[in-house]
Amino acid sequence: MGRTRKEWEEETLKKVLEKFPERKKVFKTTSGIEFKRLYTPEDSASIDYDKEIGFPGEYPFTRGVQPTMYRGRFWTMRQYAGYGTAEETNKRFRYLLKEGQTGLSVAFDLPTQVGYDSDHPLSTGEVGKVGVPISSIVDMERLFEEIPLKDVSTSMTINSTAPIILAMYIAVAKRQGTDTKELRGTVQNDILKEYTARGTFRFPIEPSMRLVTDIFKYCKEKLPQWNTISISGYHIRESGSTAVQEVAFTLANAIAYVEEAIKAGLDVDEFAGRLSFFFGSHNNIFEEVAKFRAARRMWAKIMKERFKAKKRDSMLLRFHTQTAGCTLTAQQFENNVVRVAFQALAAVLGGTQSLHTNSRDEAMALPSEDSVTIALRTQQLIAYESGVADVIDPLGGCPFIESLTNEIERLASEYIKKIEEMGGVVTAIRSGFIQKEIQRSAYEYQKGVESGEIPVVGVNIFKKEGEKEPEWLLRVDPEIERRRRKELEELRKKRDKKRWQEAMDNIKRAAERPNELLMPHFIDAVEAYATVGEICEVLASVFGEYTESEYY
């Protein structure tokens, strides 16, 4: 019989600890999960390998959604970009594609996300600042000029106005002569997390959920290769949640979307295969790897056991990952290159399907061309030089990783059970439960940083005085806003007013009929040069607008 851990602790470890105590009494993850000093096969002895771990490409998909993972093809390298004008963003897209990016990811400015045109009073000071401003089909055509949409996969981070932006994308594809059945990509379309973590909502919860399922219904026939939603834990985590909360609240939201789609008359196997997910990747490499593996297993079980899905694709948690913007620092900003590399490595070890790597300067400004190139090269170095993509789930079977995967699943499942007992995620949002849980975690983390309990290099340890901002930071020209106002004024003068009015009237009538599909009317409207803001005004006249203080 081999040597036991207890014997090792008594005969070897104890003597060393008497002379050299460990750095701290408790080692734990950001979720508060305590690490043991050492993990051995006995820590995973109770795990049923076939049932809980299995093989890649097979239920419960703990080890990955594809049988060969990156031995077949690498993850999609999809750098997120959008700023200034559609023309500037198009230039950045074409540069990234030339440098080896394999998919596009569009950032929209805040007015576009909330449904205001660039010339609306509430858009003042925000046009083009955190993404590209899109008001009309003209902007969308400029955004994708010289980029054949049939040849690229495009992800769009848009929620409240997702069906309108998707309608513009479809209209541009049609003008390019592309069959919509060839279009590949993802529209985020995850409105629930906006109420808890991000804030770019426009309409109340119920009509917003209708807009979500409207996309499900439309794409089932017209865009069969399109991912109809990207259920996002990333923004939940960026708002201050723990890794466990990120998994729990994301899957709770996903359950609500599946229930809503079934209620709208869709069979689970008709739409579930086109659901996708979006997670953040933070600094604790092992916690992040275990988080991705736990989420994948949990979703497979939820779809099979709860929703009785029969198709394999319906059980797959396919996800995009973005490295953690909230971990980046303005102090010693070059350190962010290393942080991002660790986080990207964790995403790959965890089995991501696509990845965005943040840039070194994003704590201060939108990324410069040089910075975004370094971020893309980080992915390419991991893919082509590190060797981690050569073996499927290389950390699988490790007692530490499997124990941590199980613990994250257990804690996240407890949260989901609590939300279900409250009546579901919508009730939990209205009561403020999810918001308060995220706020509490954010507060505890910030306290840890300020007390020094949580070390951040360059911020509370290894500080350097007299740092200066780099001169090459990217700045958005405030003149853009004035030009945008003028362009919209000209568009409204030139368009066919009769066709425009008819399209707007059709949207209003369709919105008043709960079971009518809105997507075809949105496409007609954008082809008649209706703007995002105008369409949202019509919808708001029927749906109303959401006020956050309404519920808690």
Protein backbone atom coordinates (compact mmCIF):
# COMPACT_ATOMS: atom_id res chain seq x y z
CA MET A 1 0.00 0.00 0.00
CA GLY A 2 1.32 3.45 -0.94
CA ARG A 3 2.18 6.32 1.30
CA THR A 4 -0.80 8.32 2.61
CA ARG A 5 -1.24 12.07 2.64
CA LYS A 6 -1.52 11.99 6.43
CA GLU A 7 1.87 10.29 6.71
CA TRP A 8 3.43 12.88 4.42
CA GLU A 9 1.92 15.70 6.49
CA GLU A 10 3.23 14.26 9.78
CA GLU A 11 6.67 13.08 8.69
CA THR A 12 7.73 15.60 6.03
CA LEU A 13 5.51 18.67 5.88
CA LYS A 14 5.21 19.38 9.63
CA LYS A 15 8.96 19.94 10.10
CA VAL A 16 9.13 22.42 7.23
CA LEU A 17 6.07 24.38 8.39
CA GLU A 18 7.60 24.84 11.84
CA LYS A 19 10.54 26.67 10.28
CA PHE A 20 8.87 28.25 7.25
CA PRO A 21 5.16 29.03 7.73
CA GLU A 22 3.02 29.38 4.62
CA ARG A 23 2.30 32.83 3.16
CA LYS A 24 -1.26 32.92 4.49
CA LYS A 25 -3.63 30.80 6.53
CA VAL A 26 -6.26 30.38 3.83
CA PHE A 27 -5.77 30.13 0.07
CA LYS A 28 -8.99 30.60 -1.88
CA THR A 29 -10.50 31.60 -5.22
CA THR A 30 -12.43 34.82 -5.86
CA SER A 31 -15.59 32.77 -5.27
CA GLY A 32 -14.37 31.94 -1.77
CA ILE A 33 -13.60 28.30 -2.57
CA GLU A 34 -10.73 27.23 -0.32
CA PHE A 35 -7.81 25.39 -1.88
CA LYS A 36 -6.36 22.41 -0.10
CA ARG A 37 -2.59 22.39 0.23
CA LEU A 38 -2.29 19.32 -1.98
CA TYR A 39 -4.60 17.24 -4.15
CA THR A 40 -4.13 13.50 -4.68
CA PRO A 41 -6.16 10.77 -6.42
CA GLU A 42 -8.21 10.32 -3.22
CA ASP A 43 -9.75 13.78 -3.80
CA SER A 44 -11.32 12.55 -7.03
CA ALA A 45 -11.93 8.93 -5.99
CA SER A 46 -15.67 9.50 -5.52
CA ILE A 47 -16.12 10.94 -9.03
CA ASP A 48 -17.86 8.64 -11.50
CA TYR A 49 -15.57 9.14 -14.50
CA ASP A 50 -18.02 7.95 -17.16
CA LYS A 51 -20.96 9.87 -15.73
CA GLU A 52 -19.33 13.15 -14.69
CA ILE A 53 -16.29 13.49 -16.95
CA GLY A 54 -16.56 11.16 -19.92
CA PHE A 55 -14.97 11.79 -23.31
CA PRO A 56 -14.81 14.96 -25.42
CA GLY A 57 -17.72 15.35 -27.80
CA GLU A 58 -19.92 13.09 -25.66
CA TYR A 59 -22.46 13.82 -22.92
CA PRO A 60 -22.01 15.52 -20.45
CA PHE A 61 -19.34 17.33 -22.52
CA THR A 62 -17.18 18.15 -19.48
CA ARG A 63 -14.07 17.63 -21.61
CA GLY A 64 -15.26 19.65 -24.60
CA VAL A 65 -18.00 19.89 -27.21
CA GLN A 66 -15.94 18.46 -30.09
CA PRO A 67 -14.22 15.06 -30.19
CA THR A 68 -10.96 16.53 -31.53
CA MET A 69 -11.18 20.09 -30.10
CA TYR A 70 -8.18 22.16 -31.29
CA ARG A 71 -6.42 19.21 -32.93
CA GLY A 72 -9.02 19.69 -35.69
CA ARG A 73 -9.10 23.48 -35.88
CA PHE A 74 -8.23 26.34 -33.55
CA TRP A 75 -10.83 28.46 -31.81
CA THR A 76 -12.12 31.49 -33.76
CA MET A 77 -9.87 34.47 -33.09
CA ARG A 78 -12.49 37.20 -32.96
CA GLN A 79 -11.15 40.61 -31.89
CA TYR A 80 -13.88 42.99 -30.69
CA ALA A 81 -13.74 46.37 -32.49
CA GLY A 82 -15.82 49.47 -33.02
CA TYR A 83 -15.24 53.19 -32.54
CA GLY A 84 -15.51 56.60 -34.15
CA THR A 85 -17.34 56.06 -37.44
CA ALA A 86 -18.42 53.10 -39.55
CA GLU A 87 -15.62 53.93 -42.01
CA GLU A 88 -12.93 53.90 -39.30
CA THR A 89 -14.24 50.65 -37.84
CA ASN A 90 -14.36 49.07 -41.31
CA LYS A 91 -10.70 49.99 -41.74
CA ARG A 92 -9.87 48.31 -38.40
CA PHE A 93 -11.86 45.19 -39.40
CA ARG A 94 -10.00 44.85 -42.68
CA TYR A 95 -6.66 45.36 -40.92
CA LEU A 96 -7.45 42.62 -38.37
CA LEU A 97 -8.57 40.19 -41.07
CA LYS A 98 -5.31 40.84 -42.92
CA GLU A 99 -3.37 40.13 -39.69
CA GLY A 100 -4.98 36.73 -39.21
CA GLN A 101 -8.20 37.35 -37.31
CA THR A 102 -10.75 34.67 -38.25
CA GLY A 103 -14.04 36.34 -37.27
CA LEU A 104 -15.49 39.82 -36.79
CA SER A 105 -16.90 41.15 -33.53
CA VAL A 106 -18.74 44.47 -33.54
CA ALA A 107 -18.84 46.93 -30.65
CA PHE A 108 -21.68 49.47 -30.88
CA ASP A 109 -21.72 52.83 -29.13
CA LEU A 110 -24.06 53.39 -26.18
CA PRO A 111 -26.74 55.36 -28.08
CA THR A 112 -27.05 52.53 -30.62
CA GLN A 113 -27.27 49.96 -27.82
CA VAL A 114 -30.11 51.79 -26.09
CA GLY A 115 -31.92 52.74 -29.29
CA TYR A 116 -31.12 56.42 -29.83
CA ASP A 117 -29.83 57.89 -33.08
CA SER A 118 -26.62 59.90 -33.11
CA ASP A 119 -28.59 63.17 -33.29
CA HIS A 120 -30.80 62.48 -30.24
CA PRO A 121 -30.18 64.85 -27.27
CA LEU A 122 -29.41 61.88 -25.00
CA SER A 123 -26.63 60.81 -27.40
CA THR A 124 -24.64 63.98 -26.78
CA GLY A 125 -21.05 63.20 -25.81
CA GLU A 126 -21.40 59.45 -26.40
CA VAL A 127 -21.37 59.12 -30.20
CA GLY A 128 -18.68 56.69 -31.33
CA LYS A 129 -17.03 56.58 -27.90
CA VAL A 130 -17.26 52.92 -26.88
CA GLY A 131 -18.27 51.45 -30.21
CA VAL A 132 -19.41 52.27 -33.71
CA PRO A 133 -22.55 54.44 -34.14
CA ILE A 134 -25.17 52.77 -36.33
CA SER A 135 -28.39 54.62 -37.07
CA SER A 136 -29.36 53.48 -40.58
CA ILE A 137 -28.65 50.88 -43.25
CA VAL A 138 -26.25 53.40 -44.79
CA ASP A 139 -24.02 53.12 -41.70
CA MET A 140 -24.23 49.32 -41.81
CA GLU A 141 -23.20 49.24 -45.47
CA ARG A 142 -20.19 51.43 -44.68
CA LEU A 143 -19.29 49.20 -41.74
CA PHE A 144 -19.02 46.11 -43.97
CA GLU A 145 -17.76 47.70 -47.17
CA GLU A 146 -15.47 45.31 -49.10
CA ILE A 147 -16.20 42.53 -46.57
CA PRO A 148 -18.31 39.74 -48.18
CA LEU A 149 -20.73 38.70 -45.45
CA LYS A 150 -21.06 35.19 -46.88
CA ASP A 151 -17.36 34.62 -46.14
CA VAL A 152 -17.10 35.85 -42.54
CA SER A 153 -18.62 34.97 -39.18
CA THR A 154 -19.81 38.12 -37.43
CA SER A 155 -20.59 38.53 -33.74
CA MET A 156 -22.56 41.61 -32.68
CA THR A 157 -22.69 42.74 -29.05
CA ILE A 158 -26.17 44.22 -29.09
CA ASN A 159 -29.19 43.48 -26.91
CA SER A 160 -32.09 45.91 -26.56
CA THR A 161 -31.92 46.79 -30.27
CA ALA A 162 -30.67 43.37 -31.42
CA PRO A 163 -33.52 42.58 -33.86
CA ILE A 164 -33.17 45.96 -35.57
CA ILE A 165 -29.39 45.66 -35.95
CA LEU A 166 -29.78 42.07 -37.20
CA ALA A 167 -32.40 43.32 -39.70
CA MET A 168 -29.83 45.82 -41.03
CA TYR A 169 -27.19 43.09 -41.32
CA ILE A 170 -29.64 40.92 -43.27
CA ALA A 171 -30.58 43.84 -45.53
CA VAL A 172 -26.90 44.57 -46.29
CA ALA A 173 -26.28 40.88 -47.03
CA LYS A 174 -29.19 40.89 -49.47
CA ARG A 175 -27.74 43.96 -51.21
CA GLN A 176 -24.47 42.05 -51.54
CA GLY A 177 -26.38 39.22 -53.23
CA THR A 178 -25.91 36.82 -50.30
CA ASP A 179 -28.51 34.17 -49.47
CA THR A 180 -29.39 34.71 -45.79
CA LYS A 181 -29.10 30.94 -45.25
CA GLU A 182 -25.35 31.36 -45.80
CA LEU A 183 -24.92 33.95 -43.03
CA ARG A 184 -22.90 32.84 -40.01
CA GLY A 185 -22.50 34.66 -36.74
CA THR A 186 -24.06 35.61 -33.44
CA VAL A 187 -26.22 38.38 -32.13
CA GLN A 188 -25.90 38.77 -28.36
CA ASN A 189 -29.63 39.35 -27.82
CA ASP A 190 -29.32 38.66 -24.06
CA ILE A 191 -31.57 41.27 -22.48
CA LEU A 192 -31.92 39.76 -18.99
CA LYS A 193 -28.35 40.49 -17.94
CA GLU A 194 -28.89 44.14 -18.94
CA TYR A 195 -31.32 44.52 -16.03
CA THR A 196 -28.86 43.04 -13.54
CA ALA A 197 -25.39 43.96 -14.71
CA ARG A 198 -25.05 46.27 -17.67
CA GLY A 199 -27.92 48.73 -17.99
CA THR A 200 -28.40 49.13 -21.76
CA PHE A 201 -32.10 48.25 -21.64
CA ARG A 202 -34.92 50.23 -23.26
CA PHE A 203 -38.19 48.33 -22.91
CA PRO A 204 -39.82 46.46 -19.99
CA ILE A 205 -38.86 42.82 -19.41
CA GLU A 206 -41.87 41.08 -21.01
CA PRO A 207 -41.82 42.81 -24.42
CA SER A 208 -38.04 42.56 -24.42
CA MET A 209 -38.31 38.79 -24.01
CA ARG A 210 -40.74 38.80 -26.93
CA LEU A 211 -38.08 40.48 -29.08
CA VAL A 212 -35.58 37.79 -28.04
CA THR A 213 -37.82 34.90 -29.09
CA ASP A 214 -38.82 36.80 -32.24
CA ILE A 215 -35.23 36.35 -33.43
CA PHE A 216 -35.36 32.65 -32.49
CA LYS A 217 -38.46 32.15 -34.64
CA TYR A 218 -37.23 34.13 -37.62
CA CYS A 219 -33.76 32.59 -37.77
CA LYS A 220 -35.06 29.03 -37.50
CA GLU A 221 -36.10 29.21 -41.16
CA LYS A 222 -34.25 32.17 -42.63
CA LEU A 223 -30.80 32.07 -40.93
CA PRO A 224 -30.27 28.43 -39.93
CA GLN A 225 -26.50 28.91 -39.32
CA TRP A 226 -26.97 31.97 -37.12
CA ASN A 227 -26.52 31.79 -33.33
CA THR A 228 -29.69 33.51 -32.17
CA ILE A 229 -28.43 34.51 -28.73
CA SER A 230 -25.16 34.74 -26.83
CA ILE A 231 -26.12 34.35 -23.19
CA SER A 232 -23.59 36.47 -21.40
CA GLY A 233 -21.84 35.85 -18.13
CA TYR A 234 -19.08 38.24 -19.18
CA HIS A 235 -20.94 41.40 -18.22
CA ILE A 236 -22.16 39.82 -14.99
CA ARG A 237 -18.54 39.14 -14.07
CA GLU A 238 -17.39 42.58 -15.18
CA SER A 239 -19.98 44.06 -12.82
CA GLY A 240 -18.28 42.35 -9.89
CA SER A 241 -19.69 38.85 -9.58
CA THR A 242 -17.64 35.84 -8.57
CA ALA A 243 -16.93 32.97 -10.98
CA VAL A 244 -19.64 30.88 -9.31
CA GLN A 245 -22.20 33.67 -9.65
CA GLU A 246 -21.20 34.16 -13.29
CA VAL A 247 -22.07 30.53 -14.05
CA ALA A 248 -25.22 30.49 -11.91
CA PHE A 249 -26.80 33.72 -13.15
CA THR A 250 -25.89 33.02 -16.78
CA LEU A 251 -27.47 29.57 -16.75
CA ALA A 252 -30.50 30.89 -14.83
CA ASN A 253 -30.99 33.45 -17.62
CA ALA A 254 -30.55 30.71 -20.22
CA ILE A 255 -33.27 28.63 -18.54
CA ALA A 256 -35.62 31.63 -18.76
CA TYR A 257 -34.94 32.05 -22.50
CA VAL A 258 -35.59 28.35 -23.18
CA GLU A 259 -38.85 28.49 -21.19
CA GLU A 260 -39.95 31.64 -23.06
CA ALA A 261 -39.20 30.07 -26.45
CA ILE A 262 -41.16 26.92 -25.55
CA LYS A 263 -44.03 29.12 -24.35
CA ALA A 264 -43.92 30.90 -27.73
CA GLY A 265 -44.56 27.56 -29.44
CA LEU A 266 -41.07 26.39 -30.38
CA ASP A 267 -39.89 22.82 -29.78
CA VAL A 268 -36.70 22.76 -27.71
CA ASP A 269 -34.76 20.88 -30.39
CA GLU A 270 -35.78 23.46 -33.01
CA PHE A 271 -33.81 26.30 -31.43
CA ALA A 272 -31.53 25.03 -28.63
CA GLY A 273 -28.74 24.06 -31.02
CA ARG A 274 -28.28 27.72 -31.99
CA LEU A 275 -27.94 29.03 -28.43
CA SER A 276 -24.43 30.17 -27.53
CA PHE A 277 -22.77 31.58 -24.43
CA PHE A 278 -20.23 34.26 -23.54
CA PHE A 279 -17.95 34.20 -20.49
CA GLY A 280 -15.12 36.25 -19.07
CA SER A 281 -11.73 34.80 -18.24
CA HIS A 282 -9.95 36.15 -15.16
CA ASN A 283 -6.56 35.80 -13.52
CA ASN A 284 -6.97 32.64 -11.43
CA ILE A 285 -6.19 30.16 -14.18
CA PHE A 286 -7.41 27.02 -12.40
CA GLU A 287 -10.69 28.54 -11.22
CA GLU A 288 -11.42 29.72 -14.75
CA VAL A 289 -10.66 26.34 -16.35
CA ALA A 290 -12.89 24.59 -13.79
CA LYS A 291 -15.62 27.21 -14.31
CA PHE A 292 -15.81 26.54 -18.06
CA ARG A 293 -15.88 22.78 -17.54
CA ALA A 294 -18.58 23.02 -14.85
CA ALA A 295 -20.77 25.29 -16.96
CA ARG A 296 -20.54 22.93 -19.92
CA ARG A 297 -21.57 19.92 -17.80
CA MET A 298 -24.36 21.79 -16.01
CA TRP A 299 -25.94 23.01 -19.25
CA ALA A 300 -25.88 19.53 -20.78
CA LYS A 301 -27.69 18.16 -17.73
CA ILE A 302 -30.23 21.02 -17.71
CA MET A 303 -31.11 20.51 -21.36
CA LYS A 304 -31.32 16.72 -21.16
CA GLU A 305 -32.96 16.27 -17.78
CA ARG A 306 -35.08 19.39 -17.40
CA PHE A 307 -36.06 20.25 -20.97
CA LYS A 308 -35.92 16.69 -22.37
CA ALA A 309 -33.81 17.74 -25.35
CA LYS A 310 -33.05 14.80 -27.62
CA LYS A 311 -30.60 16.23 -30.12
CA ARG A 312 -26.92 16.26 -29.19
CA ASP A 313 -26.51 19.85 -30.41
CA SER A 314 -29.26 21.02 -28.05
CA MET A 315 -27.11 20.01 -25.07
CA LEU A 316 -23.90 21.75 -26.14
CA LEU A 317 -22.66 24.79 -24.27
CA ARG A 318 -20.68 26.50 -27.03
CA PHE A 319 -19.09 29.69 -25.79
CA HIS A 320 -17.08 32.75 -26.72
CA THR A 321 -14.61 34.11 -24.18
CA GLN A 322 -13.26 37.59 -23.61
CA THR A 323 -10.37 38.29 -21.30
CA ALA A 324 -11.33 40.39 -18.28
CA GLY A 325 -11.46 44.11 -18.94
CA CYS A 326 -12.10 44.84 -15.27
CA THR A 327 -8.73 43.36 -14.29
CA LEU A 328 -6.73 45.72 -16.52
CA THR A 329 -4.91 48.61 -14.86
CA ALA A 330 -3.90 52.08 -16.01
CA GLN A 331 -0.90 51.79 -13.65
CA GLN A 332 1.99 50.00 -15.38
CA PHE A 333 -0.35 49.25 -18.27
CA GLU A 334 2.21 47.05 -20.04
CA ASN A 335 1.56 44.45 -17.31
CA ASN A 336 -1.84 43.98 -18.95
CA VAL A 337 -0.17 42.09 -21.81
CA VAL A 338 0.81 39.38 -19.31
CA ARG A 339 -2.57 39.39 -17.56
CA VAL A 340 -4.33 38.92 -20.90
CA ALA A 341 -1.98 36.06 -21.85
CA PHE A 342 -2.82 34.19 -18.61
CA GLN A 343 -6.53 34.76 -19.11
CA ALA A 344 -6.44 33.66 -22.76
CA LEU A 345 -4.52 30.54 -21.77
CA ALA A 346 -7.22 29.69 -19.20
CA ALA A 347 -9.93 30.09 -21.86
CA VAL A 348 -8.12 27.71 -24.21
CA LEU A 349 -7.44 25.17 -21.46
CA GLY A 350 -11.15 25.42 -20.60
CA GLY A 351 -12.23 24.63 -24.18
CA THR A 352 -13.56 27.92 -25.60
CA GLN A 353 -14.93 28.03 -29.18
CA SER A 354 -13.89 31.63 -29.84
CA LEU A 355 -11.79 34.23 -28.07
CA HIS A 356 -11.22 37.97 -27.83
CA THR A 357 -8.06 39.20 -26.14
CA ASN A 358 -8.17 42.67 -24.62
CA SER A 359 -5.46 45.21 -25.36
CA ARG A 360 -2.88 46.66 -22.99
CA ASP A 361 -4.29 50.23 -23.13
CA GLU A 362 -8.00 49.51 -22.59
CA ALA A 363 -8.00 50.77 -19.01
CA MET A 364 -7.32 54.22 -20.49
CA ALA A 365 -8.83 54.34 -23.97
CA LEU A 366 -10.01 52.37 -26.97
CA PRO A 367 -7.13 50.17 -28.16
CA SER A 368 -4.61 51.51 -30.65
CA GLU A 369 -3.70 49.53 -33.76
CA ASP A 370 -0.37 48.44 -32.24
CA SER A 371 -2.07 47.34 -29.03
CA VAL A 372 -4.76 45.32 -30.76
CA THR A 373 -2.07 43.62 -32.86
CA ILE A 374 -0.25 42.51 -29.69
CA ALA A 375 -3.57 41.19 -28.34
CA LEU A 376 -4.20 39.17 -31.50
CA ARG A 377 -0.61 37.90 -31.53
CA THR A 378 -1.18 36.66 -27.95
CA GLN A 379 -3.82 34.26 -29.25
CA GLN A 380 -1.66 33.22 -32.17
CA LEU A 381 1.29 32.49 -29.88
CA ILE A 382 -0.89 30.29 -27.66
CA ALA A 383 -2.26 28.49 -30.72
CA TYR A 384 0.92 27.94 -32.67
CA GLU A 385 3.75 27.92 -30.13
CA SER A 386 2.59 26.91 -26.64
CA GLY A 387 1.53 23.32 -27.36
CA VAL A 388 -1.58 23.55 -25.16
CA ALA A 389 -3.87 23.06 -28.16
CA ASP A 390 -2.25 19.75 -29.09
CA VAL A 391 -4.00 17.69 -26.39
CA ILE A 392 -7.73 17.65 -25.68
CA ASP A 393 -8.66 18.98 -22.23
CA PRO A 394 -5.07 18.60 -20.95
CA LEU A 395 -6.03 19.29 -17.32
CA GLY A 396 -8.91 16.80 -17.34
CA GLY A 397 -8.57 14.03 -14.77
CA CYS A 398 -6.32 16.14 -12.56
CA PRO A 399 -7.65 15.66 -8.99
CA PHE A 400 -7.41 19.40 -8.28
CA ILE A 401 -9.25 20.46 -11.46
CA GLU A 402 -11.94 17.80 -11.14
CA SER A 403 -12.55 18.68 -7.46
CA LEU A 404 -12.76 22.38 -8.30
CA THR A 405 -15.09 21.69 -11.23
CA ASN A 406 -17.40 19.74 -8.92
CA GLU A 407 -17.38 22.46 -6.26
CA ILE A 408 -18.21 25.22 -8.75
CA GLU A 409 -21.05 23.09 -10.11
CA ARG A 410 -22.37 22.47 -6.58
CA LEU A 411 -22.32 26.13 -5.56
CA ALA A 412 -23.75 27.40 -8.86
CA SER A 413 -26.54 24.79 -8.67
CA GLU A 414 -27.46 26.06 -5.20
CA TYR A 415 -27.88 29.59 -6.62
CA ILE A 416 -30.04 28.30 -9.48
CA LYS A 417 -32.20 26.36 -7.03
CA LYS A 418 -32.67 29.49 -4.90
CA ILE A 419 -33.69 31.52 -7.98
CA GLU A 420 -36.16 28.79 -9.00
CA GLU A 421 -37.68 28.82 -5.50
CA MET A 422 -38.19 32.59 -5.87
CA GLY A 423 -40.22 32.00 -9.03
CA GLY A 424 -37.52 32.25 -11.67
CA VAL A 425 -35.00 34.76 -12.89
CA VAL A 426 -37.49 37.53 -13.78
CA THR A 427 -38.81 37.52 -10.21
CA ALA A 428 -35.23 37.48 -8.91
CA ILE A 429 -34.43 40.55 -11.05
CA ARG A 430 -37.53 42.42 -9.92
CA SER A 431 -36.80 41.76 -6.28
CA GLY A 432 -33.22 42.95 -6.77
CA PHE A 433 -31.81 39.63 -5.53
CA ILE A 434 -29.32 39.10 -8.38
CA GLN A 435 -28.28 42.77 -8.46
CA LYS A 436 -27.60 42.77 -4.72
CA GLU A 437 -25.59 39.55 -4.88
CA ILE A 438 -23.36 41.01 -7.60
CA GLN A 439 -23.01 44.30 -5.71
CA ARG A 440 -22.04 42.48 -2.52
CA SER A 441 -19.33 40.51 -4.31
CA ALA A 442 -18.02 43.63 -6.04
CA TYR A 443 -17.84 45.44 -2.70
CA GLU A 444 -15.99 42.56 -1.02
CA TYR A 445 -13.48 42.40 -3.85
CA GLN A 446 -12.81 46.13 -3.79
CA LYS A 447 -12.34 46.00 -0.02
CA GLY A 448 -9.79 43.25 -0.56
CA VAL A 449 -7.86 45.35 -3.09
CA GLU A 450 -7.87 48.43 -0.88
CA SER A 451 -6.78 46.49 2.20
CA GLY A 452 -4.05 44.70 0.27
CA GLU A 453 -5.54 41.27 0.94
CA ILE A 454 -6.00 40.91 -2.84
CA PRO A 455 -2.69 41.88 -4.47
CA VAL A 456 -2.73 43.80 -7.77
CA VAL A 457 0.72 44.39 -9.22
CA GLY A 458 1.33 48.06 -9.89
CA VAL A 459 -1.71 49.14 -7.88
CA ASN A 460 -1.24 48.03 -4.26
CA ILE A 461 2.12 46.23 -4.57
CA PHE A 462 5.24 47.01 -6.63
CA LYS A 463 3.96 50.52 -7.32
CA LYS A 464 5.86 53.03 -9.43
CA GLU A 465 5.57 56.79 -9.01
CA GLY A 466 5.47 59.40 -11.75
CA GLU A 467 3.91 57.32 -14.52
CA LYS A 468 2.74 59.17 -17.62
CA GLU A 469 0.00 58.28 -20.07
CA PRO A 470 1.38 57.11 -23.42
CA GLU A 471 1.07 59.74 -26.13
CA TRP A 472 -0.33 57.30 -28.70
CA LEU A 473 -3.65 56.61 -26.95
CA LEU A 474 -6.56 56.52 -29.38
CA ARG A 475 -9.02 59.43 -29.04
CA VAL A 476 -12.39 59.76 -30.77
CA ASP A 477 -12.76 63.07 -32.62
CA PRO A 478 -15.68 65.07 -31.10
CA GLU A 479 -16.32 66.48 -34.59
CA ILE A 480 -17.80 63.09 -35.53
CA GLU A 481 -20.98 63.89 -33.61
CA ARG A 482 -21.62 67.06 -35.63
CA ARG A 483 -21.05 65.22 -38.91
CA ARG A 484 -23.40 62.43 -37.84
CA ARG A 485 -26.21 64.92 -37.17
CA LYS A 486 -25.80 66.39 -40.64
CA GLU A 487 -25.77 62.95 -42.30
CA LEU A 488 -28.99 61.93 -40.57
CA GLU A 489 -30.66 65.19 -41.54
CA GLU A 490 -29.78 64.51 -45.20
CA LEU A 491 -30.97 60.90 -45.00
CA ARG A 492 -34.38 61.93 -43.68
CA LYS A 493 -34.77 64.50 -46.46
CA LYS A 494 -33.92 62.11 -49.29
CA ARG A 495 -35.78 58.92 -48.33
CA ASP A 496 -39.20 57.96 -49.71
CA LYS A 497 -41.46 59.36 -46.96
CA LYS A 498 -44.52 57.35 -48.01
CA ARG A 499 -42.61 54.05 -47.95
CA TRP A 500 -41.02 55.00 -44.63
CA GLN A 501 -44.36 55.87 -43.01
CA GLU A 502 -45.96 52.68 -44.22
CA ALA A 503 -43.13 50.62 -42.74
CA MET A 504 -43.39 52.42 -39.39
CA ASP A 505 -47.17 51.91 -39.28
CA ASN A 506 -46.68 48.19 -39.95
CA ILE A 507 -44.25 47.91 -37.03
CA LYS A 508 -46.72 49.61 -34.70
CA ARG A 509 -49.57 47.30 -35.73
CA ALA A 510 -47.35 44.22 -35.41
CA ALA A 511 -46.13 45.29 -31.96
CA GLU A 512 -49.74 45.59 -30.81
CA ARG A 513 -50.39 41.97 -31.83
CA PRO A 514 -48.54 39.73 -29.33
CA ASN A 515 -48.18 36.76 -31.68
CA GLU A 516 -47.08 38.56 -34.82
CA LEU A 517 -43.47 38.21 -35.96
CA LEU A 518 -41.70 41.58 -35.95
CA MET A 519 -38.46 40.73 -37.79
CA PRO A 520 -39.90 40.95 -41.35
CA HIS A 521 -41.31 44.39 -40.53
CA PHE A 522 -37.93 45.53 -39.15
CA ILE A 523 -36.23 44.45 -42.39
CA ASP A 524 -38.81 46.33 -44.48
CA ALA A 525 -38.32 49.42 -42.30
CA VAL A 526 -34.52 49.52 -42.46
CA GLU A 527 -34.69 48.99 -46.24
CA ALA A 528 -36.94 52.09 -46.29
CA TYR A 529 -34.13 53.93 -44.44
CA ALA A 530 -35.87 53.99 -41.07
CA THR A 531 -33.36 54.55 -38.27
CA VAL A 532 -32.74 52.57 -35.09
CA GLY A 533 -34.04 55.48 -32.99
CA GLU A 534 -37.23 55.88 -35.01
CA ILE A 535 -38.07 52.18 -34.81
CA CYS A 536 -37.42 52.18 -31.05
CA GLU A 537 -39.70 55.20 -30.59
CA VAL A 538 -42.53 53.28 -32.27
CA LEU A 539 -41.88 50.20 -30.13
CA ALA A 540 -41.72 52.33 -26.97
CA SER A 541 -45.13 53.83 -27.82
CA VAL A 542 -46.55 50.29 -27.59
CA PHE A 543 -44.28 48.57 -25.06
CA GLY A 544 -43.41 51.47 -22.76
CA GLU A 545 -39.92 51.99 -21.31
CA TYR A 546 -38.22 50.27 -18.38
CA THR A 547 -37.43 52.19 -15.21
CA GLU A 548 -34.91 50.47 -12.97
CA SER A 549 -36.28 51.80 -9.68
CA GLU A 550 -39.65 50.33 -10.56
CA TYR A 551 -38.91 47.06 -8.78
CA TYR A 552 -36.42 47.55 -5.97
